[in-house]
């Protein structure tokens, strides 16, 4: 699998630019990274337990921590900081972002959000109780 040669956080455009040693480069929106975070908070603890992320259009990244020589941990402005993005996963996000984006928009629509309404900050799922963050309130 290719390894990164350059990684740049673009705060104003909310894009992570990443280049790999196979001469590919991607511009990955922070919103896409946030809604597809590989954390248990987003992915759940097994198949079918994924949690649809809403209201992430304006999310930023306030910092990035290296994880060994194989990943980064972005610190998102909404407080989410538990996703570890491996080089392989960032490559997947970059190379498959169009289909992943369409899948995300379809899931928002299926959850009852019209247009881009589910992407706006402050959006909550229809009928969902207020959440205080974390991973469903149970200990890890």
N, C-alpha and C. Protein backbone atom coordinates (compact mmCIF):
# COMPACT_ATOMS: atom_id res chain seq x y z
N UNK A 1 0.85 -1.19 0.00
CA UNK A 1 0.00 0.00 0.00
C UNK A 1 0.89 1.24 0.00
N UNK A 2 0.50 2.25 -0.74
CA UNK A 2 1.30 3.49 -0.79
C UNK A 2 1.39 4.17 0.58
N UNK A 3 2.48 4.91 0.76
CA UNK A 3 2.65 5.68 1.99
C UNK A 3 2.67 7.17 1.64
N UNK A 4 2.22 8.01 2.59
CA UNK A 4 2.15 9.45 2.32
C UNK A 4 3.53 10.08 2.17
N UNK A 5 3.61 11.05 1.28
CA UNK A 5 4.82 11.84 1.12
C UNK A 5 4.58 13.27 1.58
N UNK A 6 3.30 13.67 1.66
CA UNK A 6 2.96 15.02 2.10
C UNK A 6 1.53 15.03 2.63
N UNK A 7 1.32 15.78 3.71
CA UNK A 7 -0.01 15.92 4.29
C UNK A 7 -0.17 17.37 4.73
N UNK A 8 -1.23 18.02 4.23
CA UNK A 8 -1.46 19.43 4.55
C UNK A 8 -2.90 19.63 4.97
N UNK A 9 -3.10 20.33 6.07
CA UNK A 9 -4.44 20.68 6.55
C UNK A 9 -4.77 22.08 6.03
N UNK A 10 -5.83 22.20 5.28
CA UNK A 10 -6.28 23.49 4.74
C UNK A 10 -7.50 23.94 5.54
N UNK A 11 -7.26 24.80 6.54
CA UNK A 11 -8.32 25.22 7.46
C UNK A 11 -9.45 25.96 6.75
N UNK A 12 -9.11 26.91 5.89
CA UNK A 12 -10.15 27.74 5.28
C UNK A 12 -11.08 26.94 4.37
N UNK A 13 -10.51 26.05 3.57
CA UNK A 13 -11.34 25.24 2.66
C UNK A 13 -11.80 23.94 3.31
N UNK A 14 -11.33 23.66 4.54
CA UNK A 14 -11.70 22.45 5.28
C UNK A 14 -11.41 21.18 4.46
N UNK A 15 -10.16 21.10 4.02
CA UNK A 15 -9.69 19.99 3.17
C UNK A 15 -8.37 19.46 3.73
N UNK A 16 -8.23 18.14 3.74
CA UNK A 16 -6.94 17.52 4.02
C UNK A 16 -6.35 17.11 2.67
N UNK A 17 -5.20 17.68 2.34
CA UNK A 17 -4.50 17.31 1.12
C UNK A 17 -3.45 16.27 1.48
N UNK A 18 -3.45 15.17 0.75
CA UNK A 18 -2.48 14.11 1.03
C UNK A 18 -1.96 13.56 -0.29
N UNK A 19 -0.63 13.43 -0.35
CA UNK A 19 0.04 12.86 -1.51
C UNK A 19 0.70 11.56 -1.08
N UNK A 20 0.73 10.60 -2.00
CA UNK A 20 1.32 9.30 -1.72
C UNK A 20 2.48 9.02 -2.66
N UNK A 21 3.31 8.05 -2.27
CA UNK A 21 4.51 7.73 -3.05
C UNK A 21 4.22 7.01 -4.36
N UNK A 22 2.96 6.72 -4.67
CA UNK A 22 2.61 6.15 -5.97
C UNK A 22 2.13 7.24 -6.93
N UNK A 23 2.43 8.50 -6.59
CA UNK A 23 2.09 9.67 -7.39
C UNK A 23 0.60 9.99 -7.42
N UNK A 24 -0.16 9.50 -6.45
CA UNK A 24 -1.55 9.91 -6.32
C UNK A 24 -1.64 10.97 -5.24
N UNK A 25 -2.63 11.83 -5.38
CA UNK A 25 -2.87 12.87 -4.40
C UNK A 25 -4.37 13.07 -4.29
N UNK A 26 -4.82 13.37 -3.08
CA UNK A 26 -6.25 13.54 -2.84
C UNK A 26 -6.49 14.80 -2.01
N UNK A 27 -7.65 15.39 -2.20
CA UNK A 27 -8.14 16.48 -1.37
C UNK A 27 -9.40 15.95 -0.70
N UNK A 28 -9.29 15.63 0.58
CA UNK A 28 -10.39 14.98 1.30
C UNK A 28 -11.07 15.99 2.21
N UNK A 29 -12.37 16.25 2.00
CA UNK A 29 -13.08 17.20 2.86
C UNK A 29 -13.13 16.71 4.31
N UNK A 30 -12.96 17.65 5.24
CA UNK A 30 -13.06 17.31 6.66
C UNK A 30 -14.41 16.65 6.96
N UNK A 31 -15.48 17.15 6.34
CA UNK A 31 -16.81 16.59 6.59
C UNK A 31 -16.85 15.11 6.24
N UNK A 32 -16.26 14.72 5.11
CA UNK A 32 -16.24 13.31 4.72
C UNK A 32 -15.44 12.50 5.74
N UNK A 33 -14.30 13.04 6.18
CA UNK A 33 -13.50 12.34 7.19
C UNK A 33 -14.31 12.16 8.47
N UNK A 34 -15.03 13.19 8.87
CA UNK A 34 -15.78 13.13 10.13
C UNK A 34 -16.92 12.13 10.07
N UNK A 35 -17.67 12.13 8.96
CA UNK A 35 -18.83 11.23 8.89
C UNK A 35 -18.43 9.79 8.62
N UNK A 36 -17.20 9.58 8.15
CA UNK A 36 -16.68 8.23 7.95
C UNK A 36 -15.52 7.93 8.90
N UNK A 37 -15.52 8.58 10.06
CA UNK A 37 -14.48 8.32 11.03
C UNK A 37 -14.46 6.83 11.39
N UNK A 38 -13.27 6.23 11.47
CA UNK A 38 -13.18 4.80 11.80
C UNK A 38 -13.31 4.53 13.30
N UNK A 39 -13.97 5.41 14.04
CA UNK A 39 -14.11 5.25 15.49
C UNK A 39 -15.33 4.41 15.83
N UNK A 40 -15.36 3.89 17.04
CA UNK A 40 -16.53 3.13 17.51
C UNK A 40 -17.75 4.03 17.61
N UNK A 41 -17.54 5.32 17.89
CA UNK A 41 -18.66 6.27 17.99
C UNK A 41 -19.43 6.35 16.68
N UNK A 42 -18.73 6.21 15.56
CA UNK A 42 -19.35 6.30 14.24
C UNK A 42 -19.67 4.91 13.70
N UNK A 43 -18.71 4.00 13.75
CA UNK A 43 -18.87 2.67 13.17
C UNK A 43 -19.69 1.72 14.04
N UNK A 44 -19.83 2.03 15.33
CA UNK A 44 -20.49 1.10 16.22
C UNK A 44 -19.54 -0.02 16.61
N UNK A 45 -20.10 -1.04 17.22
CA UNK A 45 -19.28 -2.15 17.69
C UNK A 45 -19.53 -3.42 16.90
N UNK A 46 -20.14 -3.29 15.73
CA UNK A 46 -20.39 -4.44 14.89
C UNK A 46 -21.26 -4.04 13.71
N UNK A 47 -21.43 -4.95 12.76
CA UNK A 47 -22.25 -4.67 11.58
C UNK A 47 -23.66 -4.23 11.97
N UNK A 48 -24.15 -3.23 11.28
CA UNK A 48 -25.50 -2.73 11.54
C UNK A 48 -25.59 -1.75 12.69
N UNK A 49 -24.48 -1.44 13.36
CA UNK A 49 -24.50 -0.52 14.49
C UNK A 49 -23.93 0.85 14.15
N UNK A 50 -23.75 1.12 12.86
CA UNK A 50 -23.22 2.40 12.43
C UNK A 50 -24.15 3.52 12.89
N UNK A 51 -23.56 4.66 13.24
CA UNK A 51 -24.32 5.82 13.70
C UNK A 51 -24.20 6.91 12.65
N UNK A 52 -25.32 7.26 12.03
CA UNK A 52 -25.33 8.31 11.01
C UNK A 52 -24.94 9.63 11.65
N UNK A 53 -23.93 10.27 11.09
CA UNK A 53 -23.44 11.55 11.60
C UNK A 53 -24.15 12.67 10.84
N UNK A 54 -24.72 13.61 11.57
CA UNK A 54 -25.42 14.72 10.94
C UNK A 54 -24.86 16.05 11.46
N UNK A 55 -25.10 17.11 10.69
CA UNK A 55 -24.69 18.45 11.10
C UNK A 55 -23.19 18.68 11.05
N UNK A 56 -22.49 18.04 10.12
CA UNK A 56 -21.02 18.12 10.09
C UNK A 56 -20.46 18.95 8.95
N UNK A 57 -21.31 19.70 8.24
CA UNK A 57 -20.85 20.49 7.09
C UNK A 57 -19.73 21.47 7.47
N UNK A 58 -19.82 22.08 8.62
CA UNK A 58 -18.86 23.12 9.02
C UNK A 58 -17.74 22.60 9.92
N UNK A 59 -17.64 21.29 10.11
CA UNK A 59 -16.64 20.75 11.03
C UNK A 59 -15.23 21.08 10.54
N UNK A 60 -14.38 21.39 11.49
CA UNK A 60 -12.98 21.67 11.18
C UNK A 60 -12.07 20.67 11.87
N UNK A 61 -10.80 20.82 11.61
CA UNK A 61 -9.79 20.02 12.31
C UNK A 61 -8.87 21.01 13.01
N UNK A 62 -8.83 20.93 14.34
CA UNK A 62 -8.01 21.89 15.10
C UNK A 62 -6.60 21.38 15.36
N UNK A 63 -6.35 20.13 15.03
CA UNK A 63 -5.03 19.56 15.19
C UNK A 63 -5.00 18.14 14.68
N UNK A 64 -3.79 17.61 14.50
CA UNK A 64 -3.60 16.24 14.05
C UNK A 64 -2.46 15.64 14.86
N UNK A 65 -2.71 14.49 15.44
CA UNK A 65 -1.67 13.79 16.19
C UNK A 65 -1.19 12.59 15.39
N UNK A 66 0.13 12.39 15.28
CA UNK A 66 0.63 11.19 14.61
C UNK A 66 0.36 9.95 15.47
N UNK A 67 0.11 8.84 14.81
CA UNK A 67 -0.06 7.56 15.50
C UNK A 67 0.97 6.62 14.88
N UNK A 68 2.07 6.43 15.58
CA UNK A 68 3.15 5.61 15.05
C UNK A 68 3.58 6.12 13.68
N UNK A 69 3.93 5.19 12.81
CA UNK A 69 4.31 5.53 11.43
C UNK A 69 3.24 5.08 10.45
N UNK A 70 2.01 4.90 10.93
CA UNK A 70 1.00 4.31 10.08
C UNK A 70 -0.32 5.06 10.05
N UNK A 71 -0.48 6.14 10.84
CA UNK A 71 -1.80 6.77 10.93
C UNK A 71 -1.71 8.16 11.54
N UNK A 72 -2.86 8.86 11.49
CA UNK A 72 -3.03 10.13 12.19
C UNK A 72 -4.34 10.08 12.97
N UNK A 73 -4.41 10.92 13.99
CA UNK A 73 -5.65 11.08 14.75
C UNK A 73 -6.04 12.55 14.68
N UNK A 74 -7.03 12.88 13.82
CA UNK A 74 -7.48 14.28 13.74
C UNK A 74 -8.27 14.66 14.98
N UNK A 75 -8.11 15.91 15.39
CA UNK A 75 -8.87 16.47 16.50
C UNK A 75 -9.90 17.42 15.87
N UNK A 76 -11.14 16.95 15.74
CA UNK A 76 -12.18 17.72 15.08
C UNK A 76 -12.74 18.80 16.00
N UNK A 77 -13.22 19.89 15.40
CA UNK A 77 -13.72 21.02 16.17
C UNK A 77 -15.02 20.72 16.90
N UNK A 78 -15.70 19.61 16.56
CA UNK A 78 -16.92 19.25 17.28
C UNK A 78 -16.61 18.37 18.49
N UNK A 79 -15.31 18.20 18.82
CA UNK A 79 -14.92 17.42 19.98
C UNK A 79 -14.58 15.98 19.68
N UNK A 80 -14.87 15.51 18.48
CA UNK A 80 -14.57 14.12 18.12
C UNK A 80 -13.06 13.97 17.95
N UNK A 81 -12.48 13.01 18.69
CA UNK A 81 -11.03 12.83 18.60
C UNK A 81 -10.61 11.38 18.78
N UNK A 82 -11.52 10.44 18.52
CA UNK A 82 -11.19 9.04 18.77
C UNK A 82 -10.98 8.22 17.49
N UNK A 83 -11.02 8.85 16.33
CA UNK A 83 -10.81 8.11 15.09
C UNK A 83 -9.34 8.07 14.71
N UNK A 84 -8.83 6.88 14.44
CA UNK A 84 -7.46 6.72 13.98
C UNK A 84 -7.52 6.39 12.49
N UNK A 85 -6.99 7.32 11.69
CA UNK A 85 -7.04 7.21 10.23
C UNK A 85 -5.71 6.66 9.74
N UNK A 86 -5.69 5.38 9.37
CA UNK A 86 -4.47 4.77 8.84
C UNK A 86 -4.21 5.31 7.44
N UNK A 87 -2.97 5.14 6.95
CA UNK A 87 -2.66 5.56 5.58
C UNK A 87 -3.56 4.84 4.60
N UNK A 88 -3.80 3.54 4.83
CA UNK A 88 -4.68 2.77 3.95
C UNK A 88 -6.09 3.36 3.93
N UNK A 89 -6.59 3.74 5.09
CA UNK A 89 -7.95 4.28 5.17
C UNK A 89 -8.03 5.65 4.51
N UNK A 90 -7.01 6.50 4.69
CA UNK A 90 -7.01 7.79 4.02
C UNK A 90 -6.94 7.62 2.50
N UNK A 91 -6.19 6.63 2.04
CA UNK A 91 -6.12 6.34 0.60
C UNK A 91 -7.50 5.92 0.10
N UNK A 92 -8.18 5.08 0.88
CA UNK A 92 -9.54 4.64 0.51
C UNK A 92 -10.49 5.84 0.48
N UNK A 93 -10.45 6.70 1.51
CA UNK A 93 -11.31 7.88 1.53
C UNK A 93 -11.06 8.75 0.30
N UNK A 94 -9.80 8.92 -0.05
CA UNK A 94 -9.47 9.74 -1.22
C UNK A 94 -9.92 9.12 -2.52
N UNK A 95 -9.63 7.85 -2.70
CA UNK A 95 -9.91 7.20 -3.98
C UNK A 95 -11.39 6.85 -4.16
N UNK A 96 -12.12 6.70 -3.06
CA UNK A 96 -13.54 6.32 -3.16
C UNK A 96 -14.47 7.41 -2.67
N UNK A 97 -13.97 8.65 -2.56
CA UNK A 97 -14.78 9.68 -1.93
C UNK A 97 -16.07 9.98 -2.67
N UNK A 98 -16.11 9.88 -3.98
CA UNK A 98 -17.34 10.18 -4.71
C UNK A 98 -18.45 9.19 -4.34
N UNK A 99 -18.13 7.89 -4.35
CA UNK A 99 -19.16 6.90 -4.01
C UNK A 99 -19.51 6.96 -2.52
N UNK A 100 -18.53 7.24 -1.66
CA UNK A 100 -18.80 7.34 -0.23
C UNK A 100 -19.68 8.56 0.05
N UNK A 101 -19.42 9.65 -0.65
CA UNK A 101 -20.22 10.85 -0.49
C UNK A 101 -21.67 10.58 -0.89
N UNK A 102 -21.87 9.93 -2.05
CA UNK A 102 -23.23 9.61 -2.50
C UNK A 102 -23.94 8.69 -1.50
N UNK A 103 -23.21 7.73 -0.96
CA UNK A 103 -23.79 6.83 0.04
C UNK A 103 -24.23 7.61 1.28
N UNK A 104 -23.41 8.54 1.71
CA UNK A 104 -23.74 9.36 2.87
C UNK A 104 -25.01 10.18 2.61
N UNK A 105 -25.07 10.83 1.45
CA UNK A 105 -26.26 11.64 1.12
C UNK A 105 -27.51 10.76 1.04
N UNK A 106 -27.40 9.56 0.52
CA UNK A 106 -28.54 8.63 0.46
C UNK A 106 -28.98 8.22 1.86
N UNK A 107 -28.02 7.98 2.76
CA UNK A 107 -28.37 7.61 4.13
C UNK A 107 -29.05 8.77 4.85
N UNK A 108 -28.60 10.00 4.60
CA UNK A 108 -29.27 11.17 5.18
C UNK A 108 -30.71 11.25 4.69
N UNK A 109 -30.89 11.07 3.39
CA UNK A 109 -32.24 11.12 2.80
C UNK A 109 -33.13 10.03 3.40
N UNK A 110 -32.58 8.83 3.54
CA UNK A 110 -33.36 7.71 4.10
C UNK A 110 -33.74 7.98 5.56
N UNK A 111 -32.94 8.80 6.26
CA UNK A 111 -33.22 9.13 7.66
C UNK A 111 -34.22 10.29 7.77
N UNK A 112 -34.67 10.81 6.63
CA UNK A 112 -35.69 11.85 6.66
C UNK A 112 -35.19 13.26 6.47
N UNK A 113 -33.94 13.42 6.05
CA UNK A 113 -33.40 14.75 5.81
C UNK A 113 -33.54 15.07 4.33
N UNK A 114 -34.13 16.22 4.02
CA UNK A 114 -34.30 16.64 2.64
C UNK A 114 -33.11 17.50 2.22
N UNK A 115 -32.68 17.36 0.98
CA UNK A 115 -31.58 18.17 0.48
C UNK A 115 -30.35 18.03 1.35
N UNK A 116 -29.79 19.18 1.73
CA UNK A 116 -28.59 19.19 2.57
C UNK A 116 -28.91 19.43 4.04
N UNK A 117 -30.18 19.33 4.43
CA UNK A 117 -30.56 19.69 5.80
C UNK A 117 -29.81 18.88 6.86
N UNK A 118 -29.49 17.64 6.60
CA UNK A 118 -28.79 16.82 7.59
C UNK A 118 -27.33 17.16 7.72
N UNK A 119 -26.82 17.98 6.81
CA UNK A 119 -25.41 18.36 6.84
C UNK A 119 -25.18 19.63 7.64
N UNK A 120 -26.23 20.36 7.94
CA UNK A 120 -26.09 21.65 8.63
C UNK A 120 -25.80 21.47 10.11
N UNK A 121 -24.94 22.34 10.67
CA UNK A 121 -24.67 22.28 12.11
C UNK A 121 -25.95 22.45 12.92
N UNK A 122 -26.04 21.76 14.03
CA UNK A 122 -27.22 21.85 14.90
C UNK A 122 -28.32 20.88 14.51
N UNK A 123 -28.13 20.12 13.44
CA UNK A 123 -29.13 19.17 12.98
C UNK A 123 -29.16 17.96 13.92
N UNK A 124 -30.36 17.47 14.21
CA UNK A 124 -30.50 16.24 14.98
C UNK A 124 -31.34 15.26 14.19
N UNK A 125 -31.14 14.00 14.43
CA UNK A 125 -31.93 12.99 13.75
C UNK A 125 -33.39 13.10 14.19
N UNK A 126 -34.33 12.92 13.25
CA UNK A 126 -35.74 12.97 13.62
C UNK A 126 -36.06 11.94 14.72
N UNK A 127 -36.65 12.40 15.80
CA UNK A 127 -37.04 11.50 16.88
C UNK A 127 -35.90 11.03 17.77
N UNK A 128 -34.70 11.55 17.55
CA UNK A 128 -33.55 11.11 18.35
C UNK A 128 -33.47 11.89 19.65
N UNK A 129 -33.13 11.21 20.74
CA UNK A 129 -32.93 11.94 22.00
C UNK A 129 -31.65 12.75 21.92
N UNK A 130 -31.54 13.77 22.73
CA UNK A 130 -30.32 14.58 22.76
C UNK A 130 -29.18 13.70 23.26
N UNK A 131 -28.00 13.85 22.65
CA UNK A 131 -26.85 13.05 23.04
C UNK A 131 -25.79 13.95 23.62
N UNK A 132 -25.07 13.42 24.57
CA UNK A 132 -24.01 14.20 25.21
C UNK A 132 -22.64 13.80 24.70
N UNK A 133 -22.59 13.14 23.55
CA UNK A 133 -21.29 12.74 22.98
C UNK A 133 -20.88 11.39 23.52
N UNK A 134 -19.66 11.03 23.23
CA UNK A 134 -19.16 9.72 23.66
C UNK A 134 -19.70 8.62 22.79
N UNK A 135 -19.67 7.43 23.30
CA UNK A 135 -20.04 6.26 22.52
C UNK A 135 -21.26 5.60 23.14
N UNK A 136 -22.40 6.26 23.03
CA UNK A 136 -23.62 5.68 23.55
C UNK A 136 -23.68 5.61 25.05
N UNK A 137 -22.75 6.24 25.73
CA UNK A 137 -22.81 6.30 27.18
C UNK A 137 -22.27 5.10 27.91
N UNK A 138 -21.70 4.13 27.17
CA UNK A 138 -21.16 2.98 27.90
C UNK A 138 -19.64 3.05 27.95
N UNK A 139 -19.08 2.41 28.93
CA UNK A 139 -17.63 2.48 29.17
C UNK A 139 -16.87 1.62 28.19
N UNK A 140 -15.64 2.00 27.96
CA UNK A 140 -14.73 1.22 27.11
C UNK A 140 -13.57 0.75 27.93
